[in-house]
Amino acid sequence: AGWHAPPAWAERAVTERAAWDAHIDTLRAGASDG
């Protein structure tokens, strides 16, 4: 109670996940090569 991790750490998680999600979006879009 009363303790939490430094805010910068949670912010790092958001940044890392956003980059990964963008990568997955690119893979899902793919290329129209048949």
Full PDB file with SEQRES, HELIX, SHEET, SSBOND, CRYST1, ORIGX, SCALE, CONECT and MASTER records, all heavy atoms in Angstrom:
SEQRES   1 A   34  ALA GLY TRP HIS ALA PRO PRO ALA TRP ALA GLU ARG ALA          
SEQRES   2 A   34  VAL THR GLU ARG ALA ALA TRP ASP ALA HIS ILE ASP THR          
SEQRES   3 A   34  LEU ARG ALA GLY ALA SER ASP GLY                              
HELIX    1 AA1 PRO A    7  ALA A   29  1                                  23    
CRYST1    1.000    1.000    1.000  90.00  90.00  90.00 P 1           1          
ORIGX1      1.000000  0.000000  0.000000        0.00000                         
ORIGX2      0.000000  1.000000  0.000000        0.00000                         
ORIGX3      0.000000  0.000000  1.000000        0.00000                         
SCALE1      1.000000  0.000000  0.000000        0.00000                         
SCALE2      0.000000  1.000000  0.000000        0.00000                         
SCALE3      0.000000  0.000000  1.000000        0.00000                         
ATOM      1  N   ALA A   1       0.831  -1.206   0.000  1.00  0.00           N  
ATOM      2  CA  ALA A   1       0.000   0.000   0.000  1.00  0.00           C  
ATOM      3  C   ALA A   1       0.866   1.257   0.000  1.00  0.00           C  
ATOM      4  O   ALA A   1       1.806   1.392   0.788  1.00  0.00           O  
ATOM      5  CB  ALA A   1      -0.926  -0.001   1.210  1.00  0.00           C  
ATOM      6  N   GLY A   2       0.555   2.154  -0.936  1.00  0.00           N  
ATOM      7  CA  GLY A   2       1.284   3.412  -1.024  1.00  0.00           C  
ATOM      8  C   GLY A   2       2.508   3.376  -1.918  1.00  0.00           C  
ATOM      9  O   GLY A   2       3.091   4.428  -2.213  1.00  0.00           O  
ATOM     10  N   TRP A   3       2.901   2.196  -2.363  1.00  0.00           N  
ATOM     11  CA  TRP A   3       4.103   2.094  -3.219  1.00  0.00           C  
ATOM     12  C   TRP A   3       3.717   1.823  -4.661  1.00  0.00           C  
ATOM     13  O   TRP A   3       2.774   1.075  -4.943  1.00  0.00           O  
ATOM     14  CB  TRP A   3       5.009   0.956  -2.749  1.00  0.00           C  
ATOM     15  CG  TRP A   3       6.179   0.735  -3.688  1.00  0.00           C  
ATOM     16  CD1 TRP A   3       7.368   1.374  -3.668  1.00  0.00           C  
ATOM     17  CD2 TRP A   3       6.216  -0.172  -4.792  1.00  0.00           C  
ATOM     18  NE1 TRP A   3       8.169   0.933  -4.702  1.00  0.00           N  
ATOM     19  CE2 TRP A   3       7.484  -0.015  -5.410  1.00  0.00           C  
ATOM     20  CE3 TRP A   3       5.312  -1.079  -5.331  1.00  0.00           C  
ATOM     21  CZ2 TRP A   3       7.861  -0.749  -6.530  1.00  0.00           C  
ATOM     22  CZ3 TRP A   3       5.678  -1.815  -6.454  1.00  0.00           C  
ATOM     23  CH2 TRP A   3       6.944  -1.652  -7.031  1.00  0.00           C  
ATOM     24  N   HIS A   4       4.434   2.435  -5.588  1.00  0.00           N  
ATOM     25  CA  HIS A   4       4.287   2.106  -7.002  1.00  0.00           C  
ATOM     26  C   HIS A   4       5.632   2.302  -7.692  1.00  0.00           C  
ATOM     27  O   HIS A   4       6.520   3.008  -7.197  1.00  0.00           O  
ATOM     28  CB  HIS A   4       3.200   2.946  -7.676  1.00  0.00           C  
ATOM     29  CG  HIS A   4       3.445   4.428  -7.626  1.00  0.00           C  
ATOM     30  ND1 HIS A   4       4.367   5.075  -8.438  1.00  0.00           N  
ATOM     31  CD2 HIS A   4       2.891   5.401  -6.852  1.00  0.00           C  
ATOM     32  CE1 HIS A   4       4.360   6.367  -8.184  1.00  0.00           C  
ATOM     33  NE2 HIS A   4       3.483   6.594  -7.203  1.00  0.00           N  
ATOM     34  N   ALA A   5       5.778   1.681  -8.808  1.00  0.00           N  
ATOM     35  CA  ALA A   5       7.018   1.785  -9.582  1.00  0.00           C  
ATOM     36  C   ALA A   5       7.159   3.202 -10.145  1.00  0.00           C  
ATOM     37  O   ALA A   5       6.164   3.913 -10.301  1.00  0.00           O  
ATOM     38  CB  ALA A   5       7.027   0.763 -10.704  1.00  0.00           C  
ATOM     39  N   PRO A   6       8.368   3.626 -10.468  1.00  0.00           N  
ATOM     40  CA  PRO A   6       8.572   4.955 -11.047  1.00  0.00           C  
ATOM     41  C   PRO A   6       7.737   5.141 -12.315  1.00  0.00           C  
ATOM     42  O   PRO A   6       7.636   4.218 -13.139  1.00  0.00           O  
ATOM     43  CB  PRO A   6      10.066   4.986 -11.354  1.00  0.00           C  
ATOM     44  CG  PRO A   6      10.673   4.002 -10.398  1.00  0.00           C  
ATOM     45  CD  PRO A   6       9.654   2.924 -10.240  1.00  0.00           C  
ATOM     46  N   PRO A   7       7.139   6.299 -12.526  1.00  0.00           N  
ATOM     47  CA  PRO A   7       6.279   6.530 -13.705  1.00  0.00           C  
ATOM     48  C   PRO A   7       6.989   6.272 -15.030  1.00  0.00           C  
ATOM     49  O   PRO A   7       6.356   5.828 -15.996  1.00  0.00           O  
ATOM     50  CB  PRO A   7       5.882   8.008 -13.558  1.00  0.00           C  
ATOM     51  CG  PRO A   7       5.984   8.284 -12.090  1.00  0.00           C  
ATOM     52  CD  PRO A   7       7.124   7.455 -11.601  1.00  0.00           C  
ATOM     53  N   ALA A   8       8.279   6.552 -15.088  1.00  0.00           N  
ATOM     54  CA  ALA A   8       9.001   6.367 -16.347  1.00  0.00           C  
ATOM     55  C   ALA A   8       8.986   4.912 -16.810  1.00  0.00           C  
ATOM     56  O   ALA A   8       9.059   4.636 -18.014  1.00  0.00           O  
ATOM     57  CB  ALA A   8      10.438   6.851 -16.193  1.00  0.00           C  
ATOM     58  N   TRP A   9       8.899   3.995 -15.865  1.00  0.00           N  
ATOM     59  CA  TRP A   9       8.908   2.574 -16.214  1.00  0.00           C  
ATOM     60  C   TRP A   9       7.610   2.189 -16.933  1.00  0.00           C  
ATOM     61  O   TRP A   9       7.636   1.512 -17.961  1.00  0.00           O  
ATOM     62  CB  TRP A   9       9.106   1.741 -14.959  1.00  0.00           C  
ATOM     63  CG  TRP A   9       9.096   0.251 -15.154  1.00  0.00           C  
ATOM     64  CD1 TRP A   9       8.277  -0.638 -14.533  1.00  0.00           C  
ATOM     65  CD2 TRP A   9       9.950  -0.534 -16.004  1.00  0.00           C  
ATOM     66  NE1 TRP A   9       8.560  -1.915 -14.938  1.00  0.00           N  
ATOM     67  CE2 TRP A   9       9.593  -1.881 -15.840  1.00  0.00           C  
ATOM     68  CE3 TRP A   9      10.977  -0.208 -16.891  1.00  0.00           C  
ATOM     69  CZ2 TRP A   9      10.209  -2.919 -16.525  1.00  0.00           C  
ATOM     70  CZ3 TRP A   9      11.605  -1.242 -17.585  1.00  0.00           C  
ATOM     71  CH2 TRP A   9      11.225  -2.573 -17.399  1.00  0.00           C  
ATOM     72  N   ALA A  10       6.472   2.642 -16.416  1.00  0.00           N  
ATOM     73  CA  ALA A  10       5.198   2.371 -17.082  1.00  0.00           C  
ATOM     74  C   ALA A  10       5.149   3.061 -18.442  1.00  0.00           C  
ATOM     75  O   ALA A  10       4.589   2.518 -19.403  1.00  0.00           O  
ATOM     76  CB  ALA A  10       4.037   2.827 -16.210  1.00  0.00           C  
ATOM     77  N   GLU A  11       5.735   4.237 -18.526  1.00  0.00           N  
ATOM     78  CA  GLU A  11       5.781   4.943 -19.814  1.00  0.00           C  
ATOM     79  C   GLU A  11       6.613   4.164 -20.828  1.00  0.00           C  
ATOM     80  O   GLU A  11       6.283   4.118 -22.021  1.00  0.00           O  
ATOM     81  CB  GLU A  11       6.345   6.351 -19.616  1.00  0.00           C  
ATOM     82  CG  GLU A  11       5.442   7.257 -18.789  1.00  0.00           C  
ATOM     83  CD  GLU A  11       6.144   8.520 -18.320  1.00  0.00           C  
ATOM     84  OE1 GLU A  11       7.309   8.737 -18.745  1.00  0.00           O  
ATOM     85  OE2 GLU A  11       5.548   9.283 -17.535  1.00  0.00           O  
ATOM     86  N   ARG A  12       7.687   3.525 -20.363  1.00  0.00           N  
ATOM     87  CA  ARG A  12       8.510   2.697 -21.256  1.00  0.00           C  
ATOM     88  C   ARG A  12       7.673   1.540 -21.814  1.00  0.00           C  
ATOM     89  O   ARG A  12       7.800   1.177 -22.987  1.00  0.00           O  
ATOM     90  CB  ARG A  12       9.708   2.171 -20.465  1.00  0.00           C  
ATOM     91  CG  ARG A  12      10.528   1.066 -21.153  1.00  0.00           C  
ATOM     92  CD  ARG A  12      11.544   1.601 -22.116  1.00  0.00           C  
ATOM     93  NE  ARG A  12      12.282   0.532 -22.774  1.00  0.00           N  
ATOM     94  CZ  ARG A  12      13.420  -0.001 -22.324  1.00  0.00           C  
ATOM     95  NH1 ARG A  12      13.957   0.449 -21.186  1.00  0.00           N  
ATOM     96  NH2 ARG A  12      14.042  -0.942 -23.000  1.00  0.00           N  
ATOM     97  N   ALA A  13       6.820   0.972 -20.967  1.00  0.00           N  
ATOM     98  CA  ALA A  13       5.977  -0.133 -21.418  1.00  0.00           C  
ATOM     99  C   ALA A  13       5.047   0.307 -22.542  1.00  0.00           C  
ATOM    100  O   ALA A  13       4.836  -0.424 -23.521  1.00  0.00           O  
ATOM    101  CB  ALA A  13       5.169  -0.686 -20.244  1.00  0.00           C  
ATOM    102  N   VAL A  14       4.474   1.492 -22.420  1.00  0.00           N  
ATOM    103  CA  VAL A  14       3.582   2.011 -23.455  1.00  0.00           C  
ATOM    104  C   VAL A  14       4.331   2.192 -24.770  1.00  0.00           C  
ATOM    105  O   VAL A  14       3.844   1.826 -25.848  1.00  0.00           O  
ATOM    106  CB  VAL A  14       2.946   3.340 -23.000  1.00  0.00           C  
ATOM    107  CG1 VAL A  14       2.174   3.988 -24.144  1.00  0.00           C  
ATOM    108  CG2 VAL A  14       2.034   3.120 -21.799  1.00  0.00           C  
ATOM    109  N   THR A  15       5.528   2.751 -24.686  1.00  0.00           N  
ATOM    110  CA  THR A  15       6.334   2.993 -25.889  1.00  0.00           C  
ATOM    111  C   THR A  15       6.716   1.692 -26.593  1.00  0.00           C  
ATOM    112  O   THR A  15       6.595   1.566 -27.813  1.00  0.00           O  
ATOM    113  CB  THR A  15       7.612   3.775 -25.529  1.00  0.00           C  
ATOM    114  OG1 THR A  15       7.240   5.016 -24.902  1.00  0.00           O  
ATOM    115  CG2 THR A  15       8.454   4.052 -26.760  1.00  0.00           C  
ATOM    116  N   GLU A  16       7.158   0.713 -25.811  1.00  0.00           N  
ATOM    117  CA  GLU A  16       7.573  -0.571 -26.390  1.00  0.00           C  
ATOM    118  C   GLU A  16       6.390  -1.277 -27.040  1.00  0.00           C  
ATOM    119  O   GLU A  16       6.500  -1.825 -28.147  1.00  0.00           O  
ATOM    120  CB  GLU A  16       8.196  -1.471 -25.314  1.00  0.00           C  
ATOM    121  CG  GLU A  16       9.493  -0.950 -24.722  1.00  0.00           C  
ATOM    122  CD  GLU A  16      10.681  -1.090 -25.668  1.00  0.00           C  
ATOM    123  OE1 GLU A  16      10.515  -1.644 -26.771  1.00  0.00           O  
ATOM    124  OE2 GLU A  16      11.780  -0.644 -25.302  1.00  0.00           O  
ATOM    125  N   ARG A  17       5.234  -1.266 -26.365  1.00  0.00           N  
ATOM    126  CA  ARG A  17       4.079  -1.967 -26.902  1.00  0.00           C  
ATOM    127  C   ARG A  17       3.561  -1.278 -28.161  1.00  0.00           C  
ATOM    128  O   ARG A  17       3.126  -1.943 -29.115  1.00  0.00           O  
ATOM    129  CB  ARG A  17       2.988  -2.067 -25.842  1.00  0.00           C  
ATOM    130  CG  ARG A  17       1.728  -2.788 -26.303  1.00  0.00           C  
ATOM    131  CD  ARG A  17       1.998  -4.232 -26.723  1.00  0.00           C  
ATOM    132  NE  ARG A  17       0.870  -4.802 -27.435  1.00  0.00           N  
ATOM    133  CZ  ARG A  17      -0.097  -5.507 -26.859  1.00  0.00           C  
ATOM    134  NH1 ARG A  17      -0.076  -5.707 -25.545  1.00  0.00           N  
ATOM    135  NH2 ARG A  17      -1.079  -5.995 -27.584  1.00  0.00           N  
ATOM    136  N   ALA A  18       3.602   0.043 -28.191  1.00  0.00           N  
ATOM    137  CA  ALA A  18       3.143   0.759 -29.378  1.00  0.00           C  
ATOM    138  C   ALA A  18       3.986   0.400 -30.589  1.00  0.00           C  
ATOM    139  O   ALA A  18       3.464   0.208 -31.700  1.00  0.00           O  
ATOM    140  CB  ALA A  18       3.171   2.266 -29.123  1.00  0.00           C  
ATOM    141  N   ALA A  19       5.300   0.291 -30.388  1.00  0.00           N  
ATOM    142  CA  ALA A  19       6.185  -0.073 -31.494  1.00  0.00           C  
ATOM    143  C   ALA A  19       5.895  -1.491 -31.974  1.00  0.00           C  
ATOM    144  O   ALA A  19       5.891  -1.765 -33.189  1.00  0.00           O  
ATOM    145  CB  ALA A  19       7.643   0.062 -31.059  1.00  0.00           C  
ATOM    146  N   TRP A  20       5.655  -2.401 -31.046  1.00  0.00           N  
ATOM    147  CA  TRP A  20       5.347  -3.786 -31.427  1.00  0.00           C  
ATOM    148  C   TRP A  20       4.009  -3.868 -32.163  1.00  0.00           C  
ATOM    149  O   TRP A  20       3.891  -4.571 -33.169  1.00  0.00           O  
ATOM    150  CB  TRP A  20       5.335  -4.677 -30.194  1.00  0.00           C  
ATOM    151  CG  TRP A  20       4.982  -6.104 -30.496  1.00  0.00           C  
ATOM    152  CD1 TRP A  20       3.817  -6.740 -30.176  1.00  0.00           C  
ATOM    153  CD2 TRP A  20       5.775  -7.067 -31.193  1.00  0.00           C  
ATOM    154  NE1 TRP A  20       3.841  -8.037 -30.626  1.00  0.00           N  
ATOM    155  CE2 TRP A  20       5.037  -8.266 -31.252  1.00  0.00           C  
ATOM    156  CE3 TRP A  20       7.050  -7.032 -31.776  1.00  0.00           C  
ATOM    157  CZ2 TRP A  20       5.513  -9.418 -31.861  1.00  0.00           C  
ATOM    158  CZ3 TRP A  20       7.535  -8.183 -32.381  1.00  0.00           C  
ATOM    159  CH2 TRP A  20       6.770  -9.365 -32.419  1.00  0.00           C  
ATOM    160  N   ASP A  21       3.001  -3.169 -31.664  1.00  0.00           N  
ATOM    161  CA  ASP A  21       1.696  -3.186 -32.323  1.00  0.00           C  
ATOM    162  C   ASP A  21       1.794  -2.647 -33.747  1.00  0.00           C  
ATOM    163  O   ASP A  21       1.142  -3.166 -34.662  1.00  0.00           O  
ATOM    164  CB  ASP A  21       0.688  -2.357 -31.524  1.00  0.00           C  
ATOM    165  CG  ASP A  21       0.157  -3.099 -30.313  1.00  0.00           C  
ATOM    166  OD1 ASP A  21       0.319  -4.339 -30.249  1.00  0.00           O  
ATOM    167  OD2 ASP A  21      -0.428  -2.449 -29.427  1.00  0.00           O  
ATOM    168  N   ALA A  22       2.601  -1.603 -33.937  1.00  0.00           N  
ATOM    169  CA  ALA A  22       2.789  -1.062 -35.285  1.00  0.00           C  
ATOM    170  C   ALA A  22       3.444  -2.098 -36.191  1.00  0.00           C  
ATOM    171  O   ALA A  22       3.085  -2.221 -37.375  1.00  0.00           O  
ATOM    172  CB  ALA A  22       3.639   0.202 -35.223  1.00  0.00           C  
ATOM    173  N   HIS A  23       4.380  -2.864 -35.639  1.00  0.00           N  
ATOM    174  CA  HIS A  23       5.042  -3.924 -36.402  1.00  0.00           C  
ATOM    175  C   HIS A  23       4.032  -5.007 -36.788  1.00  0.00           C  
ATOM    176  O   HIS A  23       4.018  -5.471 -37.952  1.00  0.00           O  
ATOM    177  CB  HIS A  23       6.174  -4.520 -35.564  1.00  0.00           C  
ATOM    178  CG  HIS A  23       6.845  -5.696 -36.182  1.00  0.00           C  
ATOM    179  ND1 HIS A  23       7.502  -5.629 -37.389  1.00  0.00           N  
ATOM    180  CD2 HIS A  23       6.960  -6.991 -35.768  1.00  0.00           C  
ATOM    181  CE1 HIS A  23       7.998  -6.826 -37.695  1.00  0.00           C  
ATOM    182  NE2 HIS A  23       7.678  -7.656 -36.724  1.00  0.00           N  
ATOM    183  N   ILE A  24       3.176  -5.415 -35.853  1.00  0.00           N  
ATOM    184  CA  ILE A  24       2.164  -6.426 -36.141  1.00  0.00           C  
ATOM    185  C   ILE A  24       1.183  -5.909 -37.195  1.00  0.00           C  
ATOM    186  O   ILE A  24       0.772  -6.654 -38.108  1.00  0.00           O  
ATOM    187  CB  ILE A  24       1.411  -6.838 -34.861  1.00  0.00           C  
ATOM    188  CG1 ILE A  24       2.364  -7.563 -33.894  1.00  0.00           C  
ATOM    189  CG2 ILE A  24       0.210  -7.710 -35.188  1.00  0.00           C  
ATOM    190  CD1 ILE A  24       2.924  -8.864 -34.432  1.00  0.00           C  
ATOM    191  N   ASP A  25       0.814  -4.645 -37.102  1.00  0.00           N  
ATOM    192  CA  ASP A  25      -0.082  -4.069 -38.106  1.00  0.00           C  
ATOM    193  C   ASP A  25       0.532  -4.156 -39.497  1.00  0.00           C  
ATOM    194  O   ASP A  25      -0.161  -4.452 -40.481  1.00  0.00           O  
ATOM    195  CB  ASP A  25      -0.395  -2.611 -37.755  1.00  0.00           C  
ATOM    196  CG  ASP A  25      -1.312  -2.472 -36.554  1.00  0.00           C  
ATOM    197  OD1 ASP A  25      -2.001  -3.461 -36.213  1.00  0.00           O  
ATOM    198  OD2 ASP A  25      -1.335  -1.383 -35.951  1.00  0.00           O  
ATOM    199  N   THR A  26       1.819  -3.901 -39.588  1.00  0.00           N  
ATOM    200  CA  THR A  26       2.511  -3.988 -40.872  1.00  0.00           C  
ATOM    201  C   THR A  26       2.505  -5.419 -41.403  1.00  0.00           C  
ATOM    202  O   THR A  26       2.252  -5.655 -42.587  1.00  0.00           O  
ATOM    203  CB  THR A  26       3.968  -3.502 -40.737  1.00  0.00           C  
ATOM    204  OG1 THR A  26       3.974  -2.148 -40.295  1.00  0.00           O  
ATOM    205  CG2 THR A  26       4.712  -3.608 -42.057  1.00  0.00           C  
ATOM    206  N   LEU A  27       2.768  -6.384 -40.515  1.00  0.00           N  
ATOM    207  CA  LEU A  27       2.763  -7.779 -40.935  1.00  0.00           C  
ATOM    208  C   LEU A  27       1.372  -8.227 -41.379  1.00  0.00           C  
ATOM    209  O   LEU A  27       1.232  -8.989 -42.346  1.00  0.00           O  
ATOM    210  CB  LEU A  27       3.240  -8.675 -39.790  1.00  0.00           C  
ATOM    211  CG  LEU A  27       4.696  -8.522 -39.355  1.00  0.00           C  
ATOM    212  CD1 LEU A  27       4.977  -9.410 -38.152  1.00  0.00           C  
ATOM    213  CD2 LEU A  27       5.643  -8.866 -40.497  1.00  0.00           C  
ATOM    214  N   ARG A  28       0.354  -7.754 -40.697  1.00  0.00           N  
ATOM    215  CA  ARG A  28      -1.007  -8.135 -41.047  1.00  0.00           C  
ATOM    216  C   ARG A  28      -1.444  -7.520 -42.369  1.00  0.00           C  
ATOM    217  O   ARG A  28      -2.235  -8.118 -43.107  1.00  0.00           O  
ATOM    218  CB  ARG A  28      -1.966  -7.740 -39.933  1.00  0.00           C  
ATOM    219  CG  ARG A  28      -1.829  -8.580 -38.676  1.00  0.00           C  
ATOM    220  CD  ARG A  28      -2.849  -8.206 -37.612  1.00  0.00           C  
ATOM    221  NE  ARG A  28      -2.784  -9.116 -36.473  1.00  0.00           N  
ATOM    222  CZ  ARG A  28      -3.613  -9.078 -35.433  1.00  0.00           C  
ATOM    223  NH1 ARG A  28      -4.574  -8.145 -35.397  1.00  0.00           N  
ATOM    224  NH2 ARG A  28      -3.491  -9.936 -34.445  1.00  0.00           N  
ATOM    225  N   ALA A  29      -0.931  -6.333 -42.654  1.00  0.00           N  
ATOM    226  CA  ALA A  29      -1.257  -5.709 -43.935  1.00  0.00           C  
ATOM    227  C   ALA A  29      -0.617  -6.494 -45.074  1.00  0.00           C  
ATOM    228  O   ALA A  29      -1.242  -6.780 -46.095  1.00  0.00           O  
ATOM    229  CB  ALA A  29      -0.787  -4.265 -43.949  1.00  0.00           C  
ATOM    230  N   GLY A  30       0.654  -6.877 -44.882  1.00  0.00           N  
ATOM    231  CA  GLY A  30       1.335  -7.744 -45.829  1.00  0.00           C  
ATOM    232  C   GLY A  30       1.502  -7.115 -47.188  1.00  0.00           C  
ATOM    233  O   GLY A  30       1.327  -5.908 -47.392  1.00  0.00           O  
ATOM    234  N   ALA A  31       1.865  -7.953 -48.144  1.00  0.00           N  
ATOM    235  CA  ALA A  31       2.049  -7.523 -49.524  1.00  0.00           C  
ATOM    236  C   ALA A  31       1.157  -8.371 -50.421  1.00  0.00           C  
ATOM    237  O   ALA A  31       0.881  -9.523 -50.141  1.00  0.00           O  
ATOM    238  CB  ALA A  31       3.513  -7.677 -49.947  1.00  0.00           C  
ATOM    239  N   SER A  32       0.712  -7.780 -51.493  1.00  0.00           N  
ATOM    240  CA  SER A  32      -0.166  -8.500 -52.423  1.00  0.00           C  
ATOM    241  C   SER A  32       0.677  -9.264 -53.439  1.00  0.00           C  
ATOM    242  O   SER A  32       0.728  -8.937 -54.627  1.00  0.00           O  
ATOM    243  CB  SER A  32      -1.097  -7.505 -53.130  1.00  0.00           C  
ATOM    244  OG  SER A  32      -1.900  -6.818 -52.210  1.00  0.00           O  
ATOM    245  N   ASP A  33       1.390 -10.277 -52.964  1.00  0.00           N  
ATOM    246  CA  ASP A  33       2.265 -11.054 -53.834  1.00  0.00           C  
ATOM    247  C   ASP A  33       1.718 -12.454 -54.093  1.00  0.00           C  
ATOM    248  O   ASP A  33       2.426 -13.346 -54.555  1.00  0.00           O  
ATOM    249  CB  ASP A  33       3.670 -11.154 -53.230  1.00  0.00           C  
ATOM    250  CG  ASP A  33       3.670 -11.850 -51.871  1.00  0.00           C  
ATOM    251  OD1 ASP A  33       2.568 -12.179 -51.382  1.00  0.00           O  
ATOM    252  OD2 ASP A  33       4.759 -12.067 -51.312  1.00  0.00           O  
ATOM    253  N   GLY A  34       0.437 -12.653 -53.776  1.00  0.00           N  
ATOM    254  CA  GLY A  34      -0.164 -13.952 -54.052  1.00  0.00           C  
ATOM    255  C   GLY A  34       0.020 -14.979 -52.970  1.00  0.00           C  
ATOM    256  O   GLY A  34      -0.301 -16.142 -53.172  1.00  0.00           O  
TER     257      GLY A  34                                                      
MASTER        0    0    0    1    0    0    0    6  256    1    0    3          
END                                                                             
